[in-house]
Amino acid sequence: MKRILLSAMLLLSIVCRLHAQTAPDTTELTKLLQDFLAGAGRNDVAIHDRFWSEDLIYTASAGRRIGKADIMREVSAEPHPKPGEEETVYTSEDIQIHQYGDTAIVAFRLVATTNKDGKKQVTHYLNTGTFLKRDGKWQAVSWQATAMPKAPEKAP
């Protein structure tokens, strides 16, 4: 009985330590995310190619499921924004990273700020990505984006 109890306590302590472990690659994953968001605002094909894995499953906030080939086709078809044109800047807030060996979950609030006709429009999304480290580099293999409801405008 003591052996069973001791084994169970040892297993529990190992599991708790694994769960509570800080993500050793937090800095690398955060930089990858920030570089990606900056490139996405410029419609950078190379940054998309680097960020997404070939076997990506992406569920967009509109409920559409696509893969990397779809994303690359769409990004390649859109021209780079010209100076003075409508442009969206993407930033991240509240980044949370959980790492499990060569797998990491990255969750954050995406802030999309668009200047359109002289007015600033801000949209928020909750994003969660699953990353795998293959051949020494992290790539997103799964992505879920959820549009957050807009806050009601205050009456004057």
Protein backbone atom coordinates (compact mmCIF):
# COMPACT_ATOMS: atom_id res chain seq x y z
CA MET A 1 0.00 0.00 0.00
CA LYS A 2 2.84 2.37 0.87
CA ARG A 3 4.47 1.70 -2.50
CA ILE A 4 1.26 2.50 -4.37
CA LEU A 5 0.77 5.69 -2.37
CA LEU A 6 4.42 6.70 -2.82
CA SER A 7 4.26 5.98 -6.58
CA ALA A 8 1.05 7.98 -6.92
CA MET A 9 2.56 10.94 -5.04
CA LEU A 10 5.72 10.82 -7.17
CA LEU A 11 3.69 10.70 -10.39
CA LEU A 12 1.50 13.57 -9.20
CA SER A 13 4.53 15.73 -8.34
CA ILE A 14 6.06 15.08 -11.79
CA VAL A 15 2.81 15.96 -13.56
CA CYS A 16 2.41 19.14 -11.50
CA ARG A 17 5.98 20.19 -12.26
CA LEU A 18 5.48 19.61 -15.98
CA HIS A 19 2.28 21.64 -15.95
CA ALA A 20 3.77 24.48 -13.91
CA GLN A 21 6.98 24.59 -15.92
CA THR A 22 7.62 27.95 -17.54
CA ALA A 23 7.96 27.94 -21.30
CA PRO A 24 11.71 27.94 -22.02
CA ASP A 25 11.15 29.26 -25.57
CA THR A 26 8.85 32.13 -24.56
CA THR A 27 11.20 34.79 -25.93
CA GLU A 28 11.62 33.01 -29.28
CA LEU A 29 7.88 32.33 -29.68
CA THR A 30 6.93 35.89 -28.70
CA LYS A 31 9.39 37.34 -31.24
CA LEU A 32 8.08 34.96 -33.92
CA LEU A 33 4.53 36.12 -33.20
CA GLN A 34 5.44 39.83 -33.19
CA ASP A 35 7.47 39.51 -36.42
CA PHE A 36 4.55 37.68 -38.01
CA LEU A 37 2.01 40.32 -36.98
CA ALA A 38 4.21 43.13 -38.32
CA GLY A 39 4.65 41.25 -41.61
CA ALA A 40 0.97 40.39 -41.91
CA GLY A 41 0.13 44.10 -41.84
CA ARG A 42 2.49 44.60 -44.81
CA ASN A 43 1.10 41.52 -46.61
CA ASP A 44 4.56 39.88 -46.42
CA VAL A 45 4.42 36.54 -48.28
CA ALA A 46 7.76 35.37 -46.84
CA ILE A 47 6.65 35.91 -43.24
CA HIS A 48 3.48 33.87 -43.87
CA ASP A 49 5.52 31.09 -45.46
CA ARG A 50 7.85 31.02 -42.44
CA PHE A 51 5.08 31.16 -39.81
CA TRP A 52 2.60 28.55 -41.05
CA SER A 53 3.45 24.83 -41.32
CA GLU A 54 2.61 22.89 -44.48
CA ASP A 55 0.06 20.81 -42.53
CA LEU A 56 -1.71 23.80 -40.96
CA ILE A 57 -5.37 23.67 -39.94
CA TYR A 58 -6.66 27.26 -39.60
CA THR A 59 -10.15 28.07 -38.38
CA ALA A 60 -10.94 31.69 -39.16
CA SER A 61 -13.22 33.85 -37.04
CA ALA A 62 -15.85 33.69 -39.80
CA GLY A 63 -16.05 29.91 -39.38
CA ARG A 64 -14.03 29.00 -42.46
CA ARG A 65 -11.42 26.23 -42.21
CA ILE A 66 -8.39 26.54 -44.48
CA GLY A 67 -4.79 25.38 -44.83
CA LYS A 68 -1.45 26.99 -45.61
CA ALA A 69 -1.91 26.66 -49.39
CA ASP A 70 -5.15 28.68 -49.12
CA ILE A 71 -3.48 31.38 -47.03
CA MET A 72 -0.50 31.62 -49.36
CA ARG A 73 -2.79 31.88 -52.41
CA GLU A 74 -4.78 34.69 -50.77
CA VAL A 75 -1.72 36.59 -49.54
CA SER A 76 0.01 36.28 -52.93
CA ALA A 77 -3.10 37.58 -54.73
CA GLU A 78 -3.33 40.75 -52.62
CA PRO A 79 -1.04 43.64 -53.51
CA HIS A 80 1.19 45.22 -50.87
CA PRO A 81 -0.42 48.33 -49.40
CA LYS A 82 0.71 51.59 -51.01
CA PRO A 83 1.46 54.72 -48.98
CA GLY A 84 -1.76 56.51 -48.12
CA GLU A 85 -3.95 53.44 -48.71
CA GLU A 86 -5.99 51.79 -46.00
CA GLU A 87 -3.59 49.81 -43.84
CA THR A 88 -4.12 47.54 -40.86
CA VAL A 89 -1.60 47.26 -38.05
CA TYR A 90 -1.72 44.09 -35.95
CA THR A 91 -0.50 43.93 -32.37
CA SER A 92 -0.84 41.43 -29.55
CA GLU A 93 -1.88 41.77 -25.93
CA ASP A 94 -2.10 39.35 -23.03
CA ILE A 95 0.19 36.72 -24.57
CA GLN A 96 0.13 33.38 -22.76
CA ILE A 97 2.51 30.58 -23.73
CA HIS A 98 2.49 27.01 -22.48
CA GLN A 99 5.29 24.80 -23.72
CA TYR A 100 5.36 21.00 -23.63
CA GLY A 101 8.69 19.97 -25.08
CA ASP A 102 8.59 20.62 -28.83
CA THR A 103 4.92 21.70 -28.67
CA ALA A 104 3.69 25.09 -27.53
CA ILE A 105 0.29 26.71 -27.19
CA VAL A 106 0.30 30.47 -27.79
CA ALA A 107 -2.85 32.39 -26.87
CA PHE A 108 -3.27 36.15 -27.12
CA ARG A 109 -5.63 39.00 -27.86
CA LEU A 110 -5.07 40.31 -31.39
CA VAL A 111 -5.70 44.02 -31.91
CA ALA A 112 -6.30 45.05 -35.53
CA THR A 113 -6.11 48.83 -36.00
CA THR A 114 -7.20 50.14 -39.40
CA ASN A 115 -7.05 53.74 -40.60
CA LYS A 116 -9.93 54.13 -43.04
CA ASP A 117 -11.06 57.45 -44.44
CA GLY A 118 -9.24 59.28 -41.64
CA LYS A 119 -10.98 57.27 -38.92
CA LYS A 120 -9.35 54.68 -36.73
CA GLN A 121 -11.20 51.36 -36.45
CA VAL A 122 -10.10 48.83 -33.84
CA THR A 123 -11.16 45.19 -33.84
CA HIS A 124 -10.20 42.59 -31.24
CA TYR A 125 -9.81 38.83 -31.69
CA LEU A 126 -8.86 36.00 -29.39
CA ASN A 127 -6.31 33.77 -31.11
CA THR A 128 -4.87 30.44 -30.07
CA GLY A 129 -2.13 28.71 -32.00
CA THR A 130 -0.46 25.34 -31.58
CA PHE A 131 3.20 25.36 -32.57
CA LEU A 132 5.57 22.48 -33.20
CA LYS A 133 9.33 22.79 -33.23
CA ARG A 134 10.64 20.86 -36.22
CA ASP A 135 14.22 20.96 -37.46
CA GLY A 136 14.97 23.66 -34.89
CA LYS A 137 12.21 26.09 -35.90
CA TRP A 138 8.76 26.78 -34.53
CA GLN A 139 5.76 26.84 -36.88
CA ALA A 140 2.02 27.06 -36.32
CA VAL A 141 0.25 23.77 -37.10
CA SER A 142 -3.17 24.79 -35.81
CA TRP A 143 -4.86 28.17 -35.39
CA GLN A 144 -8.18 29.35 -34.05
CA ALA A 145 -9.34 32.96 -34.34
CA THR A 146 -12.44 34.28 -32.60
CA ALA A 147 -13.79 37.79 -33.16
CA MET A 148 -14.60 39.55 -29.92
CA PRO A 149 -17.87 41.47 -29.78
CA LYS A 150 -17.50 45.22 -30.17
CA ALA A 151 -18.16 47.28 -27.09
CA PRO A 152 -21.30 49.38 -27.45
CA GLU A 153 -20.59 53.01 -28.28
CA LYS A 154 -21.28 55.52 -25.53
CA ALA A 155 -24.09 57.99 -26.11
CA PRO A 156 -22.97 61.64 -26.34
